[in-house]
N, C-alpha and C. Protein backbone atom coordinates (compact mmCIF):
# COMPACT_ATOMS: atom_id res chain seq x y z
N MET A 1 -24.97 99.05 107.88
CA MET A 1 -23.59 99.33 107.45
C MET A 1 -22.60 98.50 108.26
N GLY A 2 -22.87 98.46 109.55
CA GLY A 2 -21.99 97.67 110.40
C GLY A 2 -22.06 96.20 110.07
N ILE A 3 -23.27 95.68 109.75
CA ILE A 3 -23.44 94.26 109.43
C ILE A 3 -22.74 93.91 108.13
N LYS A 4 -22.87 94.73 107.12
CA LYS A 4 -22.24 94.48 105.81
C LYS A 4 -20.72 94.47 105.96
N TYR A 5 -20.20 95.38 106.78
CA TYR A 5 -18.76 95.45 107.00
C TYR A 5 -18.26 94.18 107.69
N SER A 6 -19.04 93.68 108.61
CA SER A 6 -18.66 92.46 109.32
C SER A 6 -18.61 91.25 108.39
N ILE A 7 -19.58 91.16 107.49
CA ILE A 7 -19.63 90.03 106.54
C ILE A 7 -18.43 90.09 105.60
N VAL A 8 -18.12 91.25 105.09
CA VAL A 8 -16.97 91.40 104.19
C VAL A 8 -15.69 91.06 104.91
N LEU A 9 -15.55 91.51 106.18
CA LEU A 9 -14.36 91.21 106.95
C LEU A 9 -14.22 89.70 107.19
N PHE A 10 -15.33 89.02 107.46
CA PHE A 10 -15.33 87.57 107.68
C PHE A 10 -14.89 86.83 106.44
N LEU A 11 -15.39 87.24 105.29
CA LEU A 11 -15.01 86.59 104.03
C LEU A 11 -13.55 86.83 103.71
N ASN A 12 -13.04 88.03 103.99
CA ASN A 12 -11.63 88.33 103.75
C ASN A 12 -10.73 87.47 104.64
N LEU A 13 -11.15 87.26 105.89
CA LEU A 13 -10.39 86.42 106.81
C LEU A 13 -10.36 84.97 106.34
N MET A 14 -11.48 84.49 105.84
CA MET A 14 -11.54 83.12 105.35
C MET A 14 -10.64 82.93 104.14
N MET A 15 -10.64 83.88 103.23
CA MET A 15 -9.83 83.78 102.03
C MET A 15 -8.35 83.86 102.35
N SER A 16 -8.00 84.53 103.46
CA SER A 16 -6.58 84.70 103.80
C SER A 16 -6.01 83.47 104.51
N CYS A 17 -6.85 82.55 104.98
CA CYS A 17 -6.38 81.35 105.67
C CYS A 17 -6.16 80.19 104.70
N ALA A 18 -5.18 79.34 104.97
CA ALA A 18 -4.87 78.22 104.08
C ALA A 18 -5.99 77.22 104.05
N TRP A 19 -6.64 77.01 105.22
CA TRP A 19 -7.69 76.01 105.25
C TRP A 19 -8.93 76.47 104.50
N ALA A 20 -9.01 77.79 104.26
CA ALA A 20 -10.18 78.30 103.54
C ALA A 20 -10.20 77.83 102.10
N ILE A 21 -8.99 77.55 101.54
CA ILE A 21 -8.92 77.07 100.15
C ILE A 21 -9.56 75.69 100.06
N ASP A 22 -9.25 74.81 101.02
CA ASP A 22 -9.82 73.47 101.02
C ASP A 22 -11.33 73.50 101.22
N PHE A 23 -11.80 74.56 101.87
CA PHE A 23 -13.24 74.68 102.12
C PHE A 23 -14.04 74.70 100.83
N TRP A 24 -13.41 75.22 99.76
CA TRP A 24 -14.12 75.36 98.48
C TRP A 24 -13.88 74.17 97.55
N LYS A 25 -13.09 73.23 97.96
CA LYS A 25 -12.79 72.08 97.11
C LYS A 25 -13.71 70.92 97.47
N ASN A 26 -13.92 69.98 96.48
CA ASN A 26 -14.70 68.78 96.78
C ASN A 26 -13.80 67.73 97.42
N THR A 27 -14.38 66.60 97.81
CA THR A 27 -13.66 65.58 98.57
C THR A 27 -12.50 64.98 97.78
N ASN A 28 -12.71 64.67 96.50
CA ASN A 28 -11.65 64.09 95.68
C ASN A 28 -10.47 65.04 95.50
N GLN A 29 -10.77 66.36 95.40
CA GLN A 29 -9.70 67.33 95.27
C GLN A 29 -8.87 67.39 96.54
N GLN A 30 -9.53 67.34 97.67
CA GLN A 30 -8.79 67.33 98.93
C GLN A 30 -7.96 66.04 99.04
N ALA A 31 -8.55 64.93 98.61
CA ALA A 31 -7.83 63.66 98.67
C ALA A 31 -6.59 63.70 97.79
N PHE A 32 -6.73 64.30 96.59
CA PHE A 32 -5.59 64.38 95.68
C PHE A 32 -4.50 65.27 96.26
N LYS A 33 -4.90 66.29 96.96
CA LYS A 33 -3.93 67.17 97.62
C LYS A 33 -3.14 66.38 98.67
N PHE A 34 -3.84 65.59 99.48
CA PHE A 34 -3.15 64.76 100.46
C PHE A 34 -2.23 63.75 99.77
N PHE A 35 -2.69 63.22 98.64
CA PHE A 35 -1.89 62.25 97.90
C PHE A 35 -0.59 62.89 97.41
N GLN A 36 -0.67 64.12 96.89
CA GLN A 36 0.52 64.82 96.42
C GLN A 36 1.48 65.12 97.58
N GLU A 37 0.91 65.32 98.74
CA GLU A 37 1.72 65.60 99.92
C GLU A 37 2.22 64.31 100.59
N LYS A 38 1.94 63.17 99.95
CA LYS A 38 2.35 61.84 100.43
C LYS A 38 1.68 61.46 101.75
N GLN A 39 0.53 62.05 101.99
CA GLN A 39 -0.27 61.64 103.15
C GLN A 39 -1.32 60.64 102.65
N TYR A 40 -0.83 59.45 102.34
CA TYR A 40 -1.62 58.47 101.61
C TYR A 40 -2.79 57.92 102.42
N SER A 41 -2.62 57.77 103.69
CA SER A 41 -3.73 57.26 104.51
C SER A 41 -4.90 58.22 104.50
N LYS A 42 -4.63 59.52 104.60
CA LYS A 42 -5.70 60.52 104.54
C LYS A 42 -6.33 60.55 103.16
N ALA A 43 -5.49 60.42 102.14
CA ALA A 43 -6.01 60.41 100.78
C ALA A 43 -6.91 59.20 100.55
N GLN A 44 -6.50 58.05 101.06
CA GLN A 44 -7.30 56.83 100.93
C GLN A 44 -8.68 57.00 101.55
N ALA A 45 -8.72 57.63 102.69
CA ALA A 45 -10.00 57.81 103.39
C ALA A 45 -10.93 58.75 102.63
N LEU A 46 -10.37 59.71 101.86
CA LEU A 46 -11.20 60.71 101.19
C LEU A 46 -11.54 60.36 99.75
N PHE A 47 -10.68 59.61 99.09
CA PHE A 47 -10.96 59.26 97.69
C PHE A 47 -12.27 58.47 97.59
N GLU A 48 -13.03 58.77 96.57
CA GLU A 48 -14.27 58.04 96.31
C GLU A 48 -14.08 56.99 95.21
N ASP A 49 -13.16 57.26 94.30
CA ASP A 49 -12.90 56.34 93.19
C ASP A 49 -12.13 55.12 93.70
N PRO A 50 -12.61 53.90 93.43
CA PRO A 50 -11.94 52.69 93.93
C PRO A 50 -10.48 52.57 93.47
N LEU A 51 -10.20 52.98 92.24
CA LEU A 51 -8.83 52.91 91.74
C LEU A 51 -7.89 53.77 92.57
N TRP A 52 -8.32 55.02 92.80
CA TRP A 52 -7.48 55.93 93.58
C TRP A 52 -7.41 55.51 95.04
N LYS A 53 -8.51 55.00 95.56
CA LYS A 53 -8.47 54.49 96.93
C LYS A 53 -7.47 53.34 97.05
N GLY A 54 -7.49 52.46 96.05
CA GLY A 54 -6.57 51.33 96.04
C GLY A 54 -5.13 51.77 95.90
N ILE A 55 -4.88 52.75 95.00
CA ILE A 55 -3.52 53.24 94.80
C ILE A 55 -3.01 53.94 96.06
N ALA A 56 -3.87 54.74 96.69
CA ALA A 56 -3.47 55.41 97.93
C ALA A 56 -3.17 54.41 99.04
N ALA A 57 -4.00 53.38 99.14
CA ALA A 57 -3.76 52.34 100.15
C ALA A 57 -2.46 51.61 99.85
N TYR A 58 -2.19 51.36 98.57
CA TYR A 58 -0.94 50.70 98.18
C TYR A 58 0.27 51.54 98.56
N ARG A 59 0.17 52.87 98.28
CA ARG A 59 1.27 53.76 98.63
C ARG A 59 1.47 53.83 100.15
N ALA A 60 0.38 53.65 100.89
CA ALA A 60 0.46 53.65 102.35
C ALA A 60 0.91 52.29 102.88
N LYS A 61 1.21 51.36 101.97
CA LYS A 61 1.63 49.99 102.30
C LYS A 61 0.52 49.21 103.03
N ASP A 62 -0.70 49.63 102.78
CA ASP A 62 -1.86 48.92 103.31
C ASP A 62 -2.36 48.01 102.18
N TYR A 63 -1.61 46.94 101.92
CA TYR A 63 -1.84 46.12 100.73
C TYR A 63 -3.15 45.34 100.80
N ALA A 64 -3.58 44.99 101.99
CA ALA A 64 -4.83 44.24 102.13
C ALA A 64 -6.02 45.10 101.67
N HIS A 65 -6.07 46.36 102.14
CA HIS A 65 -7.15 47.24 101.71
C HIS A 65 -7.00 47.63 100.24
N ALA A 66 -5.76 47.75 99.79
CA ALA A 66 -5.54 48.06 98.38
C ALA A 66 -6.14 46.97 97.50
N ALA A 67 -5.88 45.71 97.86
CA ALA A 67 -6.45 44.59 97.10
C ALA A 67 -7.97 44.59 97.17
N GLN A 68 -8.49 44.96 98.34
CA GLN A 68 -9.95 45.01 98.51
C GLN A 68 -10.59 46.03 97.58
N PHE A 69 -9.99 47.22 97.48
CA PHE A 69 -10.55 48.26 96.60
C PHE A 69 -10.34 47.93 95.13
N LEU A 70 -9.15 47.46 94.79
CA LEU A 70 -8.81 47.22 93.39
C LEU A 70 -9.55 46.02 92.81
N SER A 71 -9.94 45.08 93.66
CA SER A 71 -10.68 43.91 93.17
C SER A 71 -12.07 44.28 92.65
N LYS A 72 -12.54 45.48 92.96
CA LYS A 72 -13.85 45.93 92.48
C LYS A 72 -13.80 46.43 91.04
N LEU A 73 -12.60 46.59 90.52
CA LEU A 73 -12.43 47.14 89.18
C LEU A 73 -12.32 46.02 88.15
N ASP A 74 -12.75 46.32 86.95
CA ASP A 74 -12.66 45.36 85.85
C ASP A 74 -11.95 46.04 84.68
N THR A 75 -10.77 46.58 84.97
CA THR A 75 -9.98 47.29 83.97
C THR A 75 -8.56 46.74 83.98
N PRO A 76 -7.81 46.95 82.89
CA PRO A 76 -6.43 46.47 82.84
C PRO A 76 -5.58 47.04 83.98
N ASP A 77 -5.69 48.35 84.20
CA ASP A 77 -4.90 48.97 85.27
C ASP A 77 -5.35 48.47 86.64
N GLY A 78 -6.64 48.24 86.77
CA GLY A 78 -7.15 47.73 88.05
C GLY A 78 -6.56 46.37 88.37
N PHE A 79 -6.57 45.47 87.40
CA PHE A 79 -5.99 44.14 87.62
C PHE A 79 -4.47 44.20 87.79
N TYR A 80 -3.83 45.12 87.04
CA TYR A 80 -2.38 45.28 87.17
C TYR A 80 -2.01 45.69 88.59
N ASN A 81 -2.68 46.72 89.12
CA ASN A 81 -2.39 47.18 90.48
C ASN A 81 -2.81 46.14 91.52
N LEU A 82 -3.87 45.40 91.22
CA LEU A 82 -4.29 44.32 92.11
C LEU A 82 -3.19 43.25 92.19
N GLY A 83 -2.62 42.94 91.04
CA GLY A 83 -1.50 41.98 91.02
C GLY A 83 -0.33 42.46 91.85
N ASN A 84 -0.03 43.76 91.78
CA ASN A 84 1.06 44.32 92.57
C ASN A 84 0.77 44.18 94.07
N ALA A 85 -0.47 44.44 94.46
CA ALA A 85 -0.85 44.33 95.87
C ALA A 85 -0.69 42.89 96.36
N PHE A 86 -1.16 41.94 95.55
CA PHE A 86 -1.03 40.52 95.93
C PHE A 86 0.45 40.12 96.03
N ALA A 87 1.26 40.63 95.08
CA ALA A 87 2.69 40.30 95.09
C ALA A 87 3.36 40.82 96.36
N GLN A 88 2.99 42.01 96.79
CA GLN A 88 3.56 42.58 98.00
C GLN A 88 3.18 41.76 99.23
N MET A 89 2.02 41.13 99.21
CA MET A 89 1.59 40.30 100.34
C MET A 89 2.12 38.88 100.25
N GLY A 90 2.88 38.58 99.17
CA GLY A 90 3.43 37.24 99.02
C GLY A 90 2.44 36.24 98.45
N GLN A 91 1.31 36.72 97.96
CA GLN A 91 0.30 35.83 97.37
C GLN A 91 0.55 35.78 95.85
N PHE A 92 1.57 35.03 95.48
CA PHE A 92 2.08 35.08 94.11
C PHE A 92 1.13 34.46 93.09
N ASN A 93 0.44 33.40 93.45
CA ASN A 93 -0.49 32.79 92.50
C ASN A 93 -1.63 33.74 92.16
N GLN A 94 -2.16 34.45 93.19
CA GLN A 94 -3.22 35.44 92.95
C GLN A 94 -2.69 36.59 92.10
N ALA A 95 -1.43 36.97 92.35
CA ALA A 95 -0.83 38.06 91.58
C ALA A 95 -0.72 37.68 90.10
N ILE A 96 -0.29 36.44 89.84
CA ILE A 96 -0.17 35.97 88.45
C ILE A 96 -1.54 35.99 87.76
N GLN A 97 -2.56 35.53 88.46
CA GLN A 97 -3.91 35.54 87.89
C GLN A 97 -4.36 36.96 87.56
N ALA A 98 -4.05 37.91 88.44
CA ALA A 98 -4.44 39.31 88.20
C ALA A 98 -3.72 39.87 86.98
N TYR A 99 -2.42 39.60 86.85
CA TYR A 99 -1.67 40.07 85.69
C TYR A 99 -2.22 39.45 84.40
N GLN A 100 -2.56 38.19 84.47
CA GLN A 100 -3.11 37.52 83.28
C GLN A 100 -4.44 38.14 82.86
N LYS A 101 -5.28 38.50 83.85
CA LYS A 101 -6.55 39.15 83.53
C LYS A 101 -6.32 40.52 82.91
N ALA A 102 -5.31 41.23 83.40
CA ALA A 102 -4.98 42.53 82.82
C ALA A 102 -4.57 42.37 81.36
N LEU A 103 -3.81 41.34 81.05
CA LEU A 103 -3.36 41.10 79.68
C LEU A 103 -4.49 40.60 78.78
N ILE A 104 -5.46 39.92 79.37
CA ILE A 104 -6.63 39.51 78.58
C ILE A 104 -7.40 40.73 78.09
N LEU A 105 -7.54 41.72 78.98
CA LEU A 105 -8.25 42.95 78.63
C LEU A 105 -7.40 43.87 77.76
N ASP A 106 -6.07 43.82 77.97
CA ASP A 106 -5.17 44.67 77.19
C ASP A 106 -3.88 43.90 76.95
N ALA A 107 -3.78 43.27 75.79
CA ALA A 107 -2.61 42.45 75.48
C ALA A 107 -1.34 43.27 75.38
N GLN A 108 -1.47 44.59 75.22
CA GLN A 108 -0.31 45.47 75.09
C GLN A 108 0.09 46.13 76.41
N HIS A 109 -0.46 45.63 77.50
CA HIS A 109 -0.13 46.20 78.80
C HIS A 109 1.29 45.74 79.18
N VAL A 110 2.26 46.60 78.88
CA VAL A 110 3.67 46.25 79.02
C VAL A 110 4.04 45.94 80.47
N ASP A 111 3.57 46.76 81.40
CA ASP A 111 3.94 46.58 82.81
C ASP A 111 3.40 45.26 83.36
N ALA A 112 2.16 44.94 82.99
CA ALA A 112 1.58 43.68 83.46
C ALA A 112 2.34 42.49 82.89
N ALA A 113 2.71 42.58 81.60
CA ALA A 113 3.46 41.49 80.96
C ALA A 113 4.83 41.33 81.61
N TYR A 114 5.49 42.45 81.90
CA TYR A 114 6.82 42.39 82.52
C TYR A 114 6.75 41.78 83.92
N ASN A 115 5.80 42.26 84.72
CA ASN A 115 5.68 41.74 86.09
C ASN A 115 5.29 40.26 86.11
N LEU A 116 4.44 39.88 85.16
CA LEU A 116 4.03 38.48 85.06
C LEU A 116 5.24 37.60 84.77
N GLN A 117 6.04 38.00 83.78
CA GLN A 117 7.22 37.22 83.42
C GLN A 117 8.21 37.17 84.58
N LEU A 118 8.41 38.29 85.22
CA LEU A 118 9.35 38.36 86.34
C LEU A 118 8.91 37.46 87.49
N LEU A 119 7.63 37.50 87.80
CA LEU A 119 7.10 36.70 88.91
C LEU A 119 7.17 35.21 88.59
N GLU A 120 6.85 34.84 87.37
CA GLU A 120 6.92 33.43 86.97
C GLU A 120 8.36 32.91 87.05
N GLN A 121 9.32 33.73 86.65
CA GLN A 121 10.72 33.33 86.74
C GLN A 121 11.15 33.14 88.19
N GLU A 122 10.71 34.05 89.06
CA GLU A 122 11.06 33.95 90.47
C GLU A 122 10.45 32.70 91.10
N LEU A 123 9.21 32.40 90.73
CA LEU A 123 8.56 31.21 91.26
C LEU A 123 9.29 29.94 90.79
N GLN A 124 9.74 29.95 89.54
CA GLN A 124 10.48 28.80 89.01
C GLN A 124 11.80 28.62 89.75
N LYS A 125 12.48 29.73 90.03
CA LYS A 125 13.74 29.66 90.78
C LYS A 125 13.50 29.11 92.19
N GLU A 126 12.44 29.59 92.82
CA GLU A 126 12.11 29.12 94.16
C GLU A 126 11.80 27.62 94.15
N GLU A 127 11.09 27.17 93.12
CA GLU A 127 10.75 25.75 93.02
C GLU A 127 12.02 24.91 92.83
N GLU A 128 12.93 25.38 91.99
CA GLU A 128 14.18 24.66 91.77
C GLU A 128 15.02 24.64 93.04
N GLN A 129 15.07 25.78 93.74
CA GLN A 129 15.82 25.84 94.99
C GLN A 129 15.23 24.92 96.04
N LYS A 130 13.91 24.85 96.06
CA LYS A 130 13.22 23.97 97.01
C LYS A 130 13.57 22.51 96.72
N LYS A 131 13.60 22.13 95.44
CA LYS A 131 13.94 20.76 95.08
C LYS A 131 15.38 20.43 95.47
N LYS A 132 16.28 21.39 95.26
CA LYS A 132 17.68 21.17 95.63
C LYS A 132 17.82 20.98 97.14
N GLU A 133 17.11 21.79 97.89
CA GLU A 133 17.17 21.67 99.35
C GLU A 133 16.61 20.34 99.83
N GLU A 134 15.52 19.90 99.19
CA GLU A 134 14.93 18.61 99.56
C GLU A 134 15.88 17.46 99.22
N GLN A 135 16.53 17.55 98.05
CA GLN A 135 17.49 16.52 97.64
C GLN A 135 18.68 16.50 98.59
N LYS A 136 19.16 17.67 98.96
CA LYS A 136 20.28 17.77 99.90
C LYS A 136 19.91 17.18 101.26
N LYS A 137 18.68 17.46 101.67
CA LYS A 137 18.20 16.94 102.96
C LYS A 137 18.14 15.42 102.93
N LYS A 138 17.65 14.86 101.82
CA LYS A 138 17.59 13.40 101.68
C LYS A 138 18.98 12.78 101.72
N GLU A 139 19.92 13.41 101.02
CA GLU A 139 21.30 12.89 101.00
C GLU A 139 21.91 12.93 102.39
N GLU A 140 21.66 14.01 103.11
CA GLU A 140 22.19 14.13 104.47
C GLU A 140 21.59 13.07 105.39
N GLU A 141 20.30 12.84 105.24
CA GLU A 141 19.64 11.81 106.05
C GLU A 141 20.18 10.42 105.73
N GLN A 142 20.40 10.15 104.43
CA GLN A 142 20.96 8.86 104.02
C GLN A 142 22.38 8.68 104.56
N LYS A 143 23.15 9.74 104.50
CA LYS A 143 24.52 9.70 105.01
C LYS A 143 24.52 9.46 106.52
N LYS A 144 23.60 10.08 107.20
CA LYS A 144 23.49 9.92 108.65
C LYS A 144 23.13 8.47 109.00
N LYS A 145 22.21 7.89 108.23
CA LYS A 145 21.83 6.50 108.46
C LYS A 145 23.01 5.57 108.24
N GLU A 146 23.77 5.80 107.18
CA GLU A 146 24.93 4.96 106.89
C GLU A 146 25.98 5.06 108.00
N GLU A 147 26.18 6.28 108.49
CA GLU A 147 27.15 6.47 109.58
C GLU A 147 26.69 5.76 110.85
N GLU A 148 25.41 5.84 111.13
CA GLU A 148 24.87 5.15 112.30
C GLU A 148 25.00 3.64 112.16
N GLN A 149 24.73 3.12 110.97
CA GLN A 149 24.87 1.69 110.73
C GLN A 149 26.32 1.24 110.87
N LYS A 150 27.23 2.04 110.35
CA LYS A 150 28.65 1.73 110.45
C LYS A 150 29.10 1.75 111.91
N LYS A 151 28.60 2.70 112.66
CA LYS A 151 28.95 2.80 114.07
C LYS A 151 28.45 1.58 114.85
N LYS A 152 27.24 1.14 114.54
CA LYS A 152 26.69 -0.05 115.18
C LYS A 152 27.53 -1.29 114.86
N GLU A 153 27.93 -1.41 113.60
CA GLU A 153 28.74 -2.56 113.19
C GLU A 153 30.09 -2.55 113.90
N GLU A 154 30.70 -1.38 114.03
CA GLU A 154 31.99 -1.28 114.71
C GLU A 154 31.84 -1.63 116.20
N GLU A 155 30.77 -1.16 116.81
CA GLU A 155 30.53 -1.47 118.22
C GLU A 155 30.30 -2.96 118.43
N GLN A 156 29.57 -3.58 117.51
CA GLN A 156 29.32 -5.02 117.60
C GLN A 156 30.61 -5.80 117.43
N LYS A 157 31.43 -5.37 116.50
CA LYS A 157 32.71 -6.04 116.26
C LYS A 157 33.62 -5.91 117.48
N LYS A 158 33.65 -4.73 118.05
CA LYS A 158 34.46 -4.49 119.24
C LYS A 158 33.98 -5.35 120.41
N LYS A 159 32.68 -5.44 120.54
CA LYS A 159 32.09 -6.25 121.61
C LYS A 159 32.45 -7.72 121.45
N GLU A 160 32.40 -8.22 120.23
CA GLU A 160 32.75 -9.62 119.97
C GLU A 160 34.22 -9.89 120.26
N GLU A 161 35.08 -8.93 119.90
CA GLU A 161 36.51 -9.10 120.15
C GLU A 161 36.80 -9.13 121.65
N GLU A 162 36.15 -8.24 122.40
CA GLU A 162 36.34 -8.23 123.85
C GLU A 162 35.83 -9.51 124.50
N GLN A 163 34.71 -9.99 124.00
CA GLN A 163 34.15 -11.23 124.52
C GLN A 163 35.08 -12.41 124.22
N LYS A 164 35.64 -12.44 123.04
CA LYS A 164 36.56 -13.50 122.65
C LYS A 164 37.85 -13.44 123.47
N LYS A 165 38.27 -12.22 123.75
CA LYS A 165 39.50 -12.02 124.51
C LYS A 165 39.33 -12.48 125.96
N ASN A 166 38.16 -12.27 126.52
CA ASN A 166 37.89 -12.62 127.92
C ASN A 166 37.59 -14.10 128.14
N GLU A 167 37.34 -14.82 127.06
CA GLU A 167 37.06 -16.25 127.20
C GLU A 167 38.34 -17.02 127.54
N THR A 168 38.29 -18.03 128.55
CA THR A 168 39.44 -18.85 128.95
C THR A 168 39.48 -20.12 128.10
N PRO A 169 40.52 -20.34 127.35
CA PRO A 169 40.56 -21.55 126.48
C PRO A 169 40.67 -22.83 127.31
N GLN A 170 39.93 -23.84 127.02
CA GLN A 170 39.95 -25.14 127.72
C GLN A 170 40.77 -26.12 126.89
N GLN A 171 41.82 -26.66 127.56
CA GLN A 171 42.72 -27.57 126.84
C GLN A 171 42.18 -29.00 126.87
N ASN A 172 42.13 -29.64 125.76
CA ASN A 172 41.67 -31.02 125.62
C ASN A 172 42.84 -31.97 125.87
N PRO A 173 42.72 -32.92 126.87
CA PRO A 173 43.83 -33.85 127.16
C PRO A 173 44.24 -34.69 125.97
N MET A 174 43.30 -35.15 125.20
CA MET A 174 43.61 -35.95 124.02
C MET A 174 44.45 -35.16 123.04
N ASN A 175 44.10 -33.90 122.91
CA ASN A 175 44.89 -33.06 122.00
C ASN A 175 46.31 -32.90 122.51
N SER A 176 46.45 -32.82 123.87
CA SER A 176 47.78 -32.67 124.46
C SER A 176 48.64 -33.91 124.21
N ARG A 177 48.04 -35.10 124.40
CA ARG A 177 48.77 -36.34 124.16
C ARG A 177 49.17 -36.48 122.69
N GLN A 178 48.24 -36.16 121.86
CA GLN A 178 48.53 -36.26 120.43
C GLN A 178 49.67 -35.33 120.04
N ASN A 179 49.67 -34.16 120.65
CA ASN A 179 50.73 -33.21 120.34
C ASN A 179 52.09 -33.72 120.81
N ASN A 180 52.12 -34.33 122.04
CA ASN A 180 53.38 -34.88 122.56
C ASN A 180 53.89 -36.04 121.70
N PHE A 181 52.96 -36.90 121.33
CA PHE A 181 53.32 -38.04 120.50
C PHE A 181 53.86 -37.58 119.15
N GLN A 182 53.24 -36.55 118.61
CA GLN A 182 53.67 -36.02 117.32
C GLN A 182 55.06 -35.41 117.43
N GLU A 183 55.33 -34.75 118.55
CA GLU A 183 56.66 -34.18 118.76
C GLU A 183 57.72 -35.29 118.86
N TRP A 184 57.36 -36.40 119.54
CA TRP A 184 58.29 -37.52 119.68
C TRP A 184 58.60 -38.15 118.32
N LEU A 185 57.56 -38.31 117.50
CA LEU A 185 57.76 -38.85 116.15
C LEU A 185 58.64 -37.92 115.32
N ASN A 186 58.42 -36.67 115.46
CA ASN A 186 59.23 -35.71 114.70
C ASN A 186 60.69 -35.80 115.12
N PHE A 187 60.92 -35.99 116.38
CA PHE A 187 62.28 -36.10 116.87
C PHE A 187 62.97 -37.35 116.30
N ILE A 188 62.22 -38.47 116.28
CA ILE A 188 62.76 -39.71 115.71
C ILE A 188 63.06 -39.55 114.24
N ASN A 189 62.16 -38.95 113.56
CA ASN A 189 62.34 -38.79 112.12
C ASN A 189 63.51 -37.89 111.79
N ASP A 190 63.85 -37.02 112.73
CA ASP A 190 64.94 -36.10 112.44
C ASP A 190 66.31 -36.80 112.43
N ASP A 191 66.53 -37.85 113.35
CA ASP A 191 67.85 -38.49 113.44
C ASP A 191 67.71 -39.96 113.87
N PRO A 192 67.17 -40.87 113.05
CA PRO A 192 66.97 -42.27 113.45
C PRO A 192 68.29 -43.00 113.68
N ALA A 193 69.32 -42.71 112.86
CA ALA A 193 70.62 -43.40 113.02
C ALA A 193 71.25 -43.06 114.35
N GLY A 194 71.18 -41.83 114.75
CA GLY A 194 71.75 -41.39 116.02
C GLY A 194 71.10 -42.09 117.19
N LEU A 195 69.77 -42.27 117.10
CA LEU A 195 69.06 -42.93 118.19
C LEU A 195 69.51 -44.39 118.33
N MET A 196 69.72 -45.09 117.21
CA MET A 196 70.16 -46.48 117.26
C MET A 196 71.55 -46.59 117.85
N LYS A 197 72.43 -45.68 117.50
CA LYS A 197 73.78 -45.68 118.04
C LYS A 197 73.76 -45.48 119.55
N GLU A 198 72.94 -44.60 119.98
CA GLU A 198 72.84 -44.33 121.41
C GLU A 198 72.30 -45.54 122.15
N LYS A 199 71.33 -46.23 121.52
CA LYS A 199 70.78 -47.44 122.14
C LYS A 199 71.85 -48.53 122.27
N PHE A 200 72.62 -48.75 121.17
CA PHE A 200 73.68 -49.75 121.22
C PHE A 200 74.74 -49.41 122.27
N ARG A 201 75.03 -48.15 122.41
CA ARG A 201 76.06 -47.72 123.35
C ARG A 201 75.61 -48.02 124.78
N ARG A 202 74.31 -47.75 125.05
CA ARG A 202 73.81 -48.00 126.41
C ARG A 202 73.77 -49.52 126.70
N ASP A 203 73.33 -50.28 125.69
CA ASP A 203 73.28 -51.74 125.89
C ASP A 203 74.69 -52.32 126.17
N TYR A 204 75.69 -51.88 125.40
CA TYR A 204 77.06 -52.37 125.58
C TYR A 204 77.59 -51.99 126.95
N GLN A 205 77.27 -50.80 127.34
CA GLN A 205 77.74 -50.33 128.65
C GLN A 205 77.13 -51.16 129.78
N ASN A 206 75.87 -51.48 129.63
CA ASN A 206 75.19 -52.28 130.65
C ASN A 206 75.80 -53.69 130.75
N VAL A 207 76.16 -54.24 129.59
CA VAL A 207 76.76 -55.59 129.58
C VAL A 207 78.11 -55.57 130.29
N GLN A 208 78.93 -54.57 130.04
CA GLN A 208 80.24 -54.46 130.65
C GLN A 208 80.15 -54.33 132.15
N GLU A 209 79.19 -53.57 132.55
CA GLU A 209 79.01 -53.39 133.99
C GLU A 209 78.55 -54.70 134.64
N GLY A 210 77.76 -55.52 133.91
CA GLY A 210 77.32 -56.82 134.45
C GLY A 210 78.47 -57.80 134.58
N VAL A 211 79.43 -57.77 133.65
CA VAL A 211 80.59 -58.68 133.68
C VAL A 211 81.46 -58.37 134.89
N ARG A 212 81.62 -57.17 135.20
CA ARG A 212 82.45 -56.79 136.32
C ARG A 212 81.79 -57.23 137.62
């Protein structure tokens, strides 16, 4: 009597505890409970189904393990979620391939088609932006080269001017004589009659002084 009472009391205690409920559930049920409670890491460890393990890992932001589990599946949803995991890791080409495989298996998979289109558009924008940045970089480099070349030319010009300024000019005696002779000719050409009058005046004066 005492033993039977003890067994009944033990069972009643187990049923009254919260953990006793989990005692009667299988592993997947416990995993789903953790998943509902947003304890995704615990759910991932307990799930046996690769799809659910992958989804739980994805929700836990463990994208590498999510991709590892989901890659074992050959279903539209499996490839769709695999594409999402790759996209989160920045592996966009692998993500596109996964979405394409999902659409091959199910051409009406709306989510896979939408994500594929969205990702392709983003990649195209990135490619265009990359080309613009490369073109801008080339233009800046070309501009820099031109400025450097212009600076060199200005420095060379300045150097030549300073050198020319510091040089002492050497006067040629022949040039000096020629210049004086040319000035004398110019003077004669300016007033030949006046010169003759002056000559006659001096000659007459000299004669008068000799007579005296």
